[in-house]
PDB file of N, CA and C in Angstrom:
ATOM      1  N   UNK A   1      19.401  27.236  79.093  1.00  0.00           N
ATOM      2  CA  UNK A   1      17.981  27.572  79.272  1.00  0.00           C
ATOM      3  C   UNK A   1      17.150  26.310  77.920  1.00  0.00           C
ATOM      4  N   UNK A   2      15.978  26.574  79.374  1.00  0.00           N
ATOM      5  CA  UNK A   2      15.506  25.953  78.473  1.00  0.00           C
ATOM      6  C   UNK A   2      14.461  25.930  76.837  1.00  0.00           C
ATOM      7  N   UNK A   3      13.883  26.367  75.811  1.00  0.00           N
ATOM      8  CA  UNK A   3      13.333  26.383  74.527  1.00  0.00           C
ATOM      9  C   UNK A   3      11.961  25.115  74.883  1.00  0.00           C
ATOM     10  N   UNK A   4      11.654  26.442  74.433  1.00  0.00           N
ATOM     11  CA  UNK A   4      10.289  26.022  74.351  1.00  0.00           C
ATOM     12  C   UNK A   4       9.791  25.362  72.903  1.00  0.00           C
ATOM     13  N   UNK A   5       8.725  24.260  72.347  1.00  0.00           N
ATOM     14  CA  UNK A   5       8.592  23.564  71.188  1.00  0.00           C
ATOM     15  C   UNK A   5       8.526  24.755  70.282  1.00  0.00           C
ATOM     16  N   UNK A   6       7.535  25.654  70.121  1.00  0.00           N
ATOM     17  CA  UNK A   6       7.333  26.974  69.265  1.00  0.00           C
ATOM     18  C   UNK A   6       8.389  27.596  69.691  1.00  0.00           C
ATOM     19  N   UNK A   7       9.172  27.882  70.236  1.00  0.00           N
ATOM     20  CA  UNK A   7       9.987  28.585  70.445  1.00  0.00           C
ATOM     21  C   UNK A   7      11.547  27.519  68.769  1.00  0.00           C
ATOM     22  N   UNK A   8      11.146  26.810  68.917  1.00  0.00           N
ATOM     23  CA  UNK A   8      11.937  25.340  68.091  1.00  0.00           C
ATOM     24  C   UNK A   8      11.942  25.684  66.476  1.00  0.00           C
ATOM     25  N   UNK A   9       9.882  25.522  66.535  1.00  0.00           N
ATOM     26  CA  UNK A   9       9.162  25.664  65.617  1.00  0.00           C
ATOM     27  C   UNK A   9       9.360  27.391  64.665  1.00  0.00           C
ATOM     28  N   UNK A  10       9.471  28.200  65.617  1.00  0.00           N
ATOM     29  CA  UNK A  10       9.894  29.525  64.711  1.00  0.00           C
ATOM     30  C   UNK A  10      11.137  29.731  64.004  1.00  0.00           C
ATOM     31  N   UNK A  11      12.381  28.723  64.389  1.00  0.00           N
ATOM     32  CA  UNK A  11      13.972  28.069  64.411  1.00  0.00           C
ATOM     33  C   UNK A  11      13.341  28.322  63.041  1.00  0.00           C
ATOM     34  N   UNK A  12      12.451  26.427  63.003  1.00  0.00           N
ATOM     35  CA  UNK A  12      12.493  25.693  61.984  1.00  0.00           C
ATOM     36  C   UNK A  12      12.111  26.342  60.516  1.00  0.00           C
ATOM     37  N   UNK A  13      10.521  27.179  60.969  1.00  0.00           N
ATOM     38  CA  UNK A  13      10.082  28.425  59.626  1.00  0.00           C
ATOM     39  C   UNK A  13      10.885  29.240  59.265  1.00  0.00           C
ATOM     40  N   UNK A  14      11.992  29.324  60.809  1.00  0.00           N
ATOM     41  CA  UNK A  14      12.538  30.538  59.780  1.00  0.00           C
ATOM     42  C   UNK A  14      13.939  30.311  58.777  1.00  0.00           C
ATOM     43  N   UNK A  15      13.575  28.922  58.454  1.00  0.00           N
ATOM     44  CA  UNK A  15      14.542  28.967  57.649  1.00  0.00           C
ATOM     45  C   UNK A  15      16.037  27.701  58.010  1.00  0.00           C
ATOM     46  N   UNK A  16      15.967  28.089  59.091  1.00  0.00           N
ATOM     47  CA  UNK A  16      17.512  27.174  60.184  1.00  0.00           C
ATOM     48  C   UNK A  16      17.463  25.428  59.691  1.00  0.00           C
ATOM     49  N   UNK A  17      18.484  24.528  59.676  1.00  0.00           N
ATOM     50  CA  UNK A  17      18.048  23.328  60.125  1.00  0.00           C
ATOM     51  C   UNK A  17      18.076  23.055  61.530  1.00  0.00           C
ATOM     52  N   UNK A  18      17.110  21.368  60.968  1.00  0.00           N
ATOM     53  CA  UNK A  18      17.797  20.769  62.726  1.00  0.00           C
ATOM     54  C   UNK A  18      18.917  20.850  63.011  1.00  0.00           C
ATOM     55  N   UNK A  19      20.288  20.631  62.428  1.00  0.00           N
ATOM     56  CA  UNK A  19      21.806  20.997  62.136  1.00  0.00           C
ATOM     57  C   UNK A  19      21.821  21.943  63.696  1.00  0.00           C
ATOM     58  N   UNK A  20      21.105  23.430  62.813  1.00  0.00           N
ATOM     59  CA  UNK A  20      22.066  24.884  63.545  1.00  0.00           C
ATOM     60  C   UNK A  20      21.282  25.059  64.719  1.00  0.00           C
ATOM     61  N   UNK A  21      20.158  24.127  64.712  1.00  0.00           N
ATOM     62  CA  UNK A  21      19.376  24.676  65.923  1.00  0.00           C
ATOM     63  C   UNK A  21      20.206  23.526  67.003  1.00  0.00           C
ATOM     64  N   UNK A  22      19.616  22.822  67.014  1.00  0.00           N
ATOM     65  CA  UNK A  22      20.536  21.552  67.597  1.00  0.00           C
ATOM     66  C   UNK A  22      22.390  22.372  68.625  1.00  0.00           C
ATOM     67  N   UNK A  23      23.150  22.678  67.493  1.00  0.00           N
ATOM     68  CA  UNK A  23      23.955  23.265  68.232  1.00  0.00           C
ATOM     69  C   UNK A  23      23.424  24.473  68.630  1.00  0.00           C
ATOM     70  N   UNK A  24      22.860  24.943  68.177  1.00  0.00           N
ATOM     71  CA  UNK A  24      22.311  26.432  68.913  1.00  0.00           C
ATOM     72  C   UNK A  24      21.633  26.140  70.456  1.00  0.00           C
ATOM     73  N   UNK A  25      20.812  25.387  70.325  1.00  0.00           N
ATOM     74  CA  UNK A  25      20.321  25.088  71.775  1.00  0.00           C
ATOM     75  C   UNK A  25      20.474  24.115  72.504  1.00  0.00           C
ATOM     76  N   UNK A  26      21.867  23.192  72.076  1.00  0.00           N
ATOM     77  CA  UNK A  26      21.748  21.923  72.860  1.00  0.00           C
ATOM     78  C   UNK A  26      21.237  21.128  72.969  1.00  0.00           C
ATOM     79  N   UNK A  27      20.633  20.590  72.028  1.00  0.00           N
ATOM     80  CA  UNK A  27      19.622  19.980  71.874  1.00  0.00           C
ATOM     81  C   UNK A  27      19.588  19.127  71.185  1.00  0.00           C
ATOM     82  N   UNK A  28      19.681  17.678  70.911  1.00  0.00           N
ATOM     83  CA  UNK A  28      20.400  16.511  70.437  1.00  0.00           C
ATOM     84  C   UNK A  28      19.196  16.650  68.995  1.00  0.00           C
ATOM     85  N   UNK A  29      19.537  16.365  67.875  1.00  0.00           N
ATOM     86  CA  UNK A  29      18.961  16.163  66.980  1.00  0.00           C
ATOM     87  C   UNK A  29      17.370  15.161  66.995  1.00  0.00           C
ATOM     88  N   UNK A  30      17.892  14.544  67.812  1.00  0.00           N
ATOM     89  CA  UNK A  30      16.685  13.307  67.628  1.00  0.00           C
ATOM     90  C   UNK A  30      15.177  14.011  68.875  1.00  0.00           C
ATOM     91  N   UNK A  31      15.423  15.041  70.166  1.00  0.00           N
ATOM     92  CA  UNK A  31      14.765  15.335  70.851  1.00  0.00           C
ATOM     93  C   UNK A  31      14.094  16.509  70.129  1.00  0.00           C
ATOM     94  N   UNK A  32      14.597  17.468  68.966  1.00  0.00           N
ATOM     95  CA  UNK A  32      13.745  17.960  68.176  1.00  0.00           C
ATOM     96  C   UNK A  32      13.570  17.267  67.669  1.00  0.00           C
ATOM     97  N   UNK A  33      13.387  16.376  67.186  1.00  0.00           N
ATOM     98  CA  UNK A  33      12.289  15.909  66.293  1.00  0.00           C
ATOM     99  C   UNK A  33      11.632  15.182  66.843  1.00  0.00           C
ATOM    100  N   UNK A  34      11.966  14.651  67.842  1.00  0.00           N
ATOM    101  CA  UNK A  34      10.322  14.045  68.956  1.00  0.00           C
ATOM    102  C   UNK A  34       9.461  14.781  69.387  1.00  0.00           C
ATOM    103  N   UNK A  35       9.940  16.304  69.762  1.00  0.00           N
ATOM    104  CA  UNK A  35       9.215  17.597  69.978  1.00  0.00           C
ATOM    105  C   UNK A  35       8.301  17.810  68.864  1.00  0.00           C
ATOM    106  N   UNK A  36       9.110  17.780  67.444  1.00  0.00           N
ATOM    107  CA  UNK A  36       8.317  18.032  66.657  1.00  0.00           C
ATOM    108  C   UNK A  36       7.097  17.251  66.068  1.00  0.00           C
ATOM    109  N   UNK A  37       7.686  16.087  66.147  1.00  0.00           N
ATOM    110  CA  UNK A  37       6.238  15.209  66.582  1.00  0.00           C
ATOM    111  C   UNK A  37       5.472  15.335  67.275  1.00  0.00           C
ATOM    112  N   UNK A  38       5.963  14.924  68.351  1.00  0.00           N
ATOM    113  CA  UNK A  38       4.704  15.690  69.567  1.00  0.00           C
ATOM    114  C   UNK A  38       3.338  17.157  68.655  1.00  0.00           C
ATOM    115  N   UNK A  39       4.632  18.233  68.429  1.00  0.00           N
ATOM    116  CA  UNK A  39       3.998  19.487  68.360  1.00  0.00           C
ATOM    117  C   UNK A  39       2.625  19.100  66.944  1.00  0.00           C
ATOM    118  N   UNK A  40       3.538  17.961  66.048  1.00  0.00           N
ATOM    119  CA  UNK A  40       2.822  18.222  64.468  1.00  0.00           C
ATOM    120  C   UNK A  40       1.738  17.204  65.107  1.00  0.00           C
ATOM    121  N   UNK A  41       1.523  16.915  66.153  1.00  0.00           N
ATOM    122  CA  UNK A  41       0.184  15.256  66.483  1.00  0.00           C
ATOM    123  C   UNK A  41      -0.777  16.320  67.480  1.00  0.00           C
ATOM    124  N   UNK A  42      -0.100  17.367  68.290  1.00  0.00           N
ATOM    125  CA  UNK A  42      -1.194  17.845  68.481  1.00  0.00           C
ATOM    126  C   UNK A  42      -2.179  19.168  67.604  1.00  0.00           C
ATOM    127  N   UNK A  43      -1.410  19.323  66.712  1.00  0.00           N
ATOM    128  CA  UNK A  43      -2.085  19.776  65.750  1.00  0.00           C
ATOM    129  C   UNK A  43      -3.492  18.865  64.945  1.00  0.00           C
ATOM    130  N   UNK A  44      -2.585  18.204  64.527  1.00  0.00           N
ATOM    131  CA  UNK A  44      -3.499  17.285  64.107  1.00  0.00           C
ATOM    132  C   UNK A  44      -4.590  17.113  64.925  1.00  0.00           C
ATOM    133  N   UNK A  45      -4.688  16.575  66.026  1.00  0.00           N
ATOM    134  CA  UNK A  45      -5.257  16.185  66.749  1.00  0.00           C
ATOM    135  C   UNK A  45      -6.391  17.433  67.646  1.00  0.00           C
ATOM    136  N   UNK A  46      -5.973  18.451  66.847  1.00  0.00           N
ATOM    137  CA  UNK A  46      -7.095  20.126  67.076  1.00  0.00           C
ATOM    138  C   UNK A  46      -7.943  20.014  66.053  1.00  0.00           C
ATOM    139  N   UNK A  47      -6.772  19.734  64.844  1.00  0.00           N
ATOM    140  CA  UNK A  47      -7.864  20.056  63.500  1.00  0.00           C
ATOM    141  C   UNK A  47      -8.973  19.190  63.046  1.00  0.00           C
ATOM    142  N   UNK A  48      -8.873  18.173  63.608  1.00  0.00           N
ATOM    143  CA  UNK A  48      -8.936  16.437  63.864  1.00  0.00           C
ATOM    144  C   UNK A  48     -10.651  16.921  64.330  1.00  0.00           C
ATOM    145  N   UNK A  49     -10.888  17.616  65.882  1.00  0.00           N
ATOM    146  CA  UNK A  49     -11.971  17.381  66.544  1.00  0.00           C
ATOM    147  C   UNK A  49     -12.733  19.427  65.876  1.00  0.00           C
ATOM    148  N   UNK A  50     -12.166  19.986  64.560  1.00  0.00           N
ATOM    149  CA  UNK A  50     -12.888  21.467  64.683  1.00  0.00           C
ATOM    150  C   UNK A  50     -13.516  20.538  63.498  1.00  0.00           C
ATOM    151  N   UNK A  51     -13.965  19.533  62.563  1.00  0.00           N
ATOM    152  CA  UNK A  51     -14.690  19.733  61.175  1.00  0.00           C
ATOM    153  C   UNK A  51     -16.094  18.741  62.421  1.00  0.00           C
ATOM    154  N   UNK A  52     -15.691  18.111  62.950  1.00  0.00           N
ATOM    155  CA  UNK A  52     -17.298  17.299  64.154  1.00  0.00           C
ATOM    156  C   UNK A  52     -18.262  18.753  64.407  1.00  0.00           C
ATOM    157  N   UNK A  53     -17.339  19.904  65.139  1.00  0.00           N
ATOM    158  CA  UNK A  53     -17.424  21.337  66.089  1.00  0.00           C
ATOM    159  C   UNK A  53     -18.141  22.163  65.419  1.00  0.00           C
ATOM    160  N   UNK A  54     -17.974  22.226  63.548  1.00  0.00           N
ATOM    161  CA  UNK A  54     -18.398  22.598  62.709  1.00  0.00           C
ATOM    162  C   UNK A  54     -19.644  21.667  61.957  1.00  0.00           C
ATOM    163  N   UNK A  55     -19.224  20.839  61.982  1.00  0.00           N
ATOM    164  CA  UNK A  55     -20.850  20.213  61.217  1.00  0.00           C
ATOM    165  C   UNK A  55     -21.976  19.649  61.938  1.00  0.00           C
ATOM    166  N   UNK A  56     -21.497  20.284  63.916  1.00  0.00           N
ATOM    167  CA  UNK A  56     -22.644  20.294  64.348  1.00  0.00           C
ATOM    168  C   UNK A  56     -22.889  21.832  64.747  1.00  0.00           C
ATOM    169  N   UNK A  57     -22.418  22.596  64.312  1.00  0.00           N
ATOM    170  CA  UNK A  57     -22.858  23.828  64.181  1.00  0.00           C
ATOM    171  C   UNK A  57     -23.460  23.904  63.328  1.00  0.00           C
ATOM    172  N   UNK A  58     -23.414  23.139  61.768  1.00  0.00           N
ATOM    173  CA  UNK A  58     -23.833  23.642  60.186  1.00  0.00           C
ATOM    174  C   UNK A  58     -25.356  22.665  60.690  1.00  0.00           C
ATOM    175  N   UNK A  59     -25.342  21.689  61.334  1.00  0.00           N
ATOM    176  CA  UNK A  59     -26.392  21.266  61.750  1.00  0.00           C
ATOM    177  C   UNK A  59     -27.810  22.123  62.796  1.00  0.00           C
ATOM    178  N   UNK A  60     -26.889  22.753  63.060  1.00  0.00           N
ATOM    179  CA  UNK A  60     -27.897  23.413  64.081  1.00  0.00           C
ATOM    180  C   UNK A  60     -28.543  24.703  63.648  1.00  0.00           C
ATOM    181  N   UNK A  61     -27.780  25.296  62.234  1.00  0.00           N
ATOM    182  CA  UNK A  61     -28.169  25.834  62.001  1.00  0.00           C
ATOM    183  C   UNK A  61     -28.782  26.611  60.604  1.00  0.00           C
ATOM    184  N   UNK A  62     -29.355  24.569  59.630  1.00  0.00           N
ATOM    185  CA  UNK A  62     -29.920  24.059  58.875  1.00  0.00           C
ATOM    186  C   UNK A  62     -31.369  24.535  59.237  1.00  0.00           C
ATOM    187  N   UNK A  63     -32.117  25.489  58.357  1.00  0.00           N
ATOM    188  CA  UNK A  63     -33.497  25.909  58.303  1.00  0.00           C
ATOM    189  C   UNK A  63     -34.204  24.415  58.357  1.00  0.00           C
ATOM    190  N   UNK A  64     -35.066  24.739  59.635  1.00  0.00           N
ATOM    191  CA  UNK A  64     -36.079  24.124  60.241  1.00  0.00           C
ATOM    192  C   UNK A  64     -37.475  23.587  59.175  1.00  0.00           C
ATOM    193  N   UNK A  65     -37.911  22.647  58.495  1.00  0.00           N
ATOM    194  CA  UNK A  65     -39.096  22.566  57.640  1.00  0.00           C
ATOM    195  C   UNK A  65     -39.780  23.161  58.922  1.00  0.00           C
ATOM    196  N   UNK A  66     -40.998  24.152  57.286  1.00  0.00           N
ATOM    197  CA  UNK A  66     -42.332  24.464  58.089  1.00  0.00           C
ATOM    198  C   UNK A  66     -43.516  23.462  57.238  1.00  0.00           C
ATOM    199  N   UNK A  67     -44.201  22.430  58.728  1.00  0.00           N
ATOM    200  CA  UNK A  67     -45.309  21.229  57.997  1.00  0.00           C
ATOM    201  C   UNK A  67     -46.128  22.469  57.049  1.00  0.00           C
ATOM    202  N   UNK A  68     -46.434  23.308  58.296  1.00  0.00           N
ATOM    203  CA  UNK A  68     -47.866  24.392  57.769  1.00  0.00           C
ATOM    204  C   UNK A  68     -47.635  25.184  55.989  1.00  0.00           C
ATOM    205  N   UNK A  69     -46.109  25.667  55.849  1.00  0.00           N
ATOM    206  CA  UNK A  69     -46.333  25.737  53.885  1.00  0.00           C
ATOM    207  C   UNK A  69     -46.387  25.285  53.735  1.00  0.00           C
ATOM    208  N   UNK A  70     -45.827  23.549  53.675  1.00  0.00           N
ATOM    209  CA  UNK A  70     -45.549  22.779  52.453  1.00  0.00           C
ATOM    210  C   UNK A  70     -46.813  22.055  52.156  1.00  0.00           C
ATOM    211  N   UNK A  71     -47.538  22.513  53.512  1.00  0.00           N
ATOM    212  CA  UNK A  71     -48.880  21.500  53.114  1.00  0.00           C
ATOM    213  C   UNK A  71     -49.985  22.409  52.270  1.00  0.00           C
ATOM    214  N   UNK A  72     -49.263  23.857  52.955  1.00  0.00           N
ATOM    215  CA  UNK A  72     -50.722  24.983  52.103  1.00  0.00           C
ATOM    216  C   UNK A  72     -49.691  24.778  50.754  1.00  0.00           C
ATOM    217  N   UNK A  73     -48.777  24.985  50.621  1.00  0.00           N
ATOM    218  CA  UNK A  73     -48.428  24.953  48.993  1.00  0.00           C
ATOM    219  C   UNK A  73     -49.080  24.012  48.236  1.00  0.00           C
ATOM    220  N   UNK A  74     -48.582  22.291  48.654  1.00  0.00           N
ATOM    221  CA  UNK A  74     -49.362  20.890  48.052  1.00  0.00           C
ATOM    222  C   UNK A  74     -51.194  21.290  47.558  1.00  0.00           C
ATOM    223  N   UNK A  75     -51.519  22.088  48.501  1.00  0.00           N
ATOM    224  CA  UNK A  75     -52.475  22.150  48.138  1.00  0.00           C
ATOM    225  C   UNK A  75     -53.345  22.835  47.849  1.00  0.00           C
ATOM    226  N   UNK A  76     -52.409  24.031  47.397  1.00  0.00           N
ATOM    227  CA  UNK A  76     -52.811  25.329  46.719  1.00  0.00           C
ATOM    228  C   UNK A  76     -52.611  24.199  44.973  1.00  0.00           C
ATOM    229  N   UNK A  77     -51.294  23.243  44.640  1.00  0.00           N
ATOM    230  CA  UNK A  77     -51.275  23.047  44.143  1.00  0.00           C
ATOM    231  C   UNK A  77     -51.690  22.121  43.404  1.00  0.00           C
ATOM    232  N   UNK A  78     -52.215  20.875  44.508  1.00  0.00           N
ATOM    233  CA  UNK A  78     -53.810  20.458  43.944  1.00  0.00           C
ATOM    234  C   UNK A  78     -55.179  21.344  43.559  1.00  0.00           C
ATOM    235  N   UNK A  79     -55.166  22.577  44.229  1.00  0.00           N
ATOM    236  CA  UNK A  79     -56.549  23.089  43.952  1.00  0.00           C
ATOM    237  C   UNK A  79     -55.844  23.652  42.311  1.00  0.00           C
ATOM    238  N   UNK A  80     -55.099  23.839  42.092  1.00  0.00           N
ATOM    239  CA  UNK A  80     -54.598  24.444  40.432  1.00  0.00           C
ATOM    240  C   UNK A  80     -54.995  23.345  39.912  1.00  0.00           C
ATOM    241  N   UNK A  81     -54.330  22.468  39.757  1.00  0.00           N
ATOM    242  CA  UNK A  81     -54.753  20.697  38.772  1.00  0.00           C
ATOM    243  C   UNK A  81     -55.901  20.661  38.900  1.00  0.00           C
ATOM    244  N   UNK A  82     -56.600  20.620  39.835  1.00  0.00           N
ATOM    245  CA  UNK A  82     -57.499  19.885  39.505  1.00  0.00           C
ATOM    246  C   UNK A  82     -59.398  20.894  38.797  1.00  0.00           C
ATOM    247  N   UNK A  83     -57.732  22.086  38.918  1.00  0.00           N
ATOM    248  CA  UNK A  83     -59.135  23.479  38.604  1.00  0.00           C
ATOM    249  C   UNK A  83     -59.075  23.230  37.074  1.00  0.00           C
ATOM    250  N   UNK A  84     -57.674  23.063  36.933  1.00  0.00           N
ATOM    251  CA  UNK A  84     -57.253  22.603  35.335  1.00  0.00           C
ATOM    252  C   UNK A  84     -58.038  21.901  34.326  1.00  0.00           C
ATOM    253  N   UNK A  85     -57.815  20.284  35.110  1.00  0.00           N
ATOM    254  CA  UNK A  85     -58.423  19.133  34.967  1.00  0.00           C
ATOM    255  C   UNK A  85     -59.992  19.201  34.478  1.00  0.00           C
ATOM    256  N   UNK A  86     -60.782  20.312  35.302  1.00  0.00           N
ATOM    257  CA  UNK A  86     -62.585  20.712  35.865  1.00  0.00           C
ATOM    258  C   UNK A  86     -62.451  21.191  34.381  1.00  0.00           C
ATOM    259  N   UNK A  87     -62.041  22.665  33.926  1.00  0.00           N
ATOM    260  CA  UNK A  87     -62.146  23.007  32.907  1.00  0.00           C
ATOM    261  C   UNK A  87     -62.197  22.105  31.817  1.00  0.00           C
ATOM    262  N   UNK A  88     -60.997  21.693  31.729  1.00  0.00           N
ATOM    263  CA  UNK A  88     -60.931  20.828  30.014  1.00  0.00           C
ATOM    264  C   UNK A  88     -61.698  19.999  30.026  1.00  0.00           C
ATOM    265  N   UNK A  89     -62.380  19.587  31.386  1.00  0.00           N
ATOM    266  CA  UNK A  89     -63.648  18.353  31.535  1.00  0.00           C
ATOM    267  C   UNK A  89     -64.781  18.890  30.682  1.00  0.00           C
ATOM    268  N   UNK A  90     -65.254  20.657  31.175  1.00  0.00           N
ATOM    269  CA  UNK A  90     -66.174  21.063  31.260  1.00  0.00           C
ATOM    270  C   UNK A  90     -66.035  21.586  29.150  1.00  0.00           C
ATOM    271  N   UNK A  91     -65.149  22.005  28.804  1.00  0.00           N
ATOM    272  CA  UNK A  91     -64.615  22.470  27.541  1.00  0.00           C
ATOM    273  C   UNK A  91     -64.900  21.450  26.740  1.00  0.00           C
ATOM    274  N   UNK A  92     -64.508  19.910  27.055  1.00  0.00           N
ATOM    275  CA  UNK A  92     -65.160  19.319  25.972  1.00  0.00           C
ATOM    276  C   UNK A  92     -67.067  18.777  26.027  1.00  0.00           C
ATOM    277  N   UNK A  93     -67.495  18.636  27.248  1.00  0.00           N
ATOM    278  CA  UNK A  93     -69.162  18.333  27.584  1.00  0.00           C
ATOM    279  C   UNK A  93     -70.257  20.328  27.295  1.00  0.00           C
ATOM    280  N   UNK A  94     -69.319  21.367  26.339  1.00  0.00           N
ATOM    281  CA  UNK A  94     -69.449  21.703  25.807  1.00  0.00           C
ATOM    282  C   UNK A  94     -69.665  22.042  24.023  1.00  0.00           C
ATOM    283  N   UNK A  95     -68.220  20.886  23.709  1.00  0.00           N
ATOM    284  CA  UNK A  95     -67.930  21.030  22.497  1.00  0.00           C
ATOM    285  C   UNK A  95     -68.735  19.910  21.705  1.00  0.00           C
TER     286      UNK A  95
END
């Protein structure tokens, strides 16, 4: 019977040693280790791909700057500052 790497990994996760798995399945220790190495590298490759996708999704989800609102806010701030300065100037001229 052929055992899938996932089945072997489930046996390993359940606490069986490599030697026990080898005796039950008839696979050599070396073959089991190689399967686990390949599975580990496949999982690592998949997890390496995820952050790139996530980063791209995060970039797409960032709000875009509305320059009209920024310009209006800057204009309002400049008007308030100019008003304060003119008020102080007029107050000094009256004294």
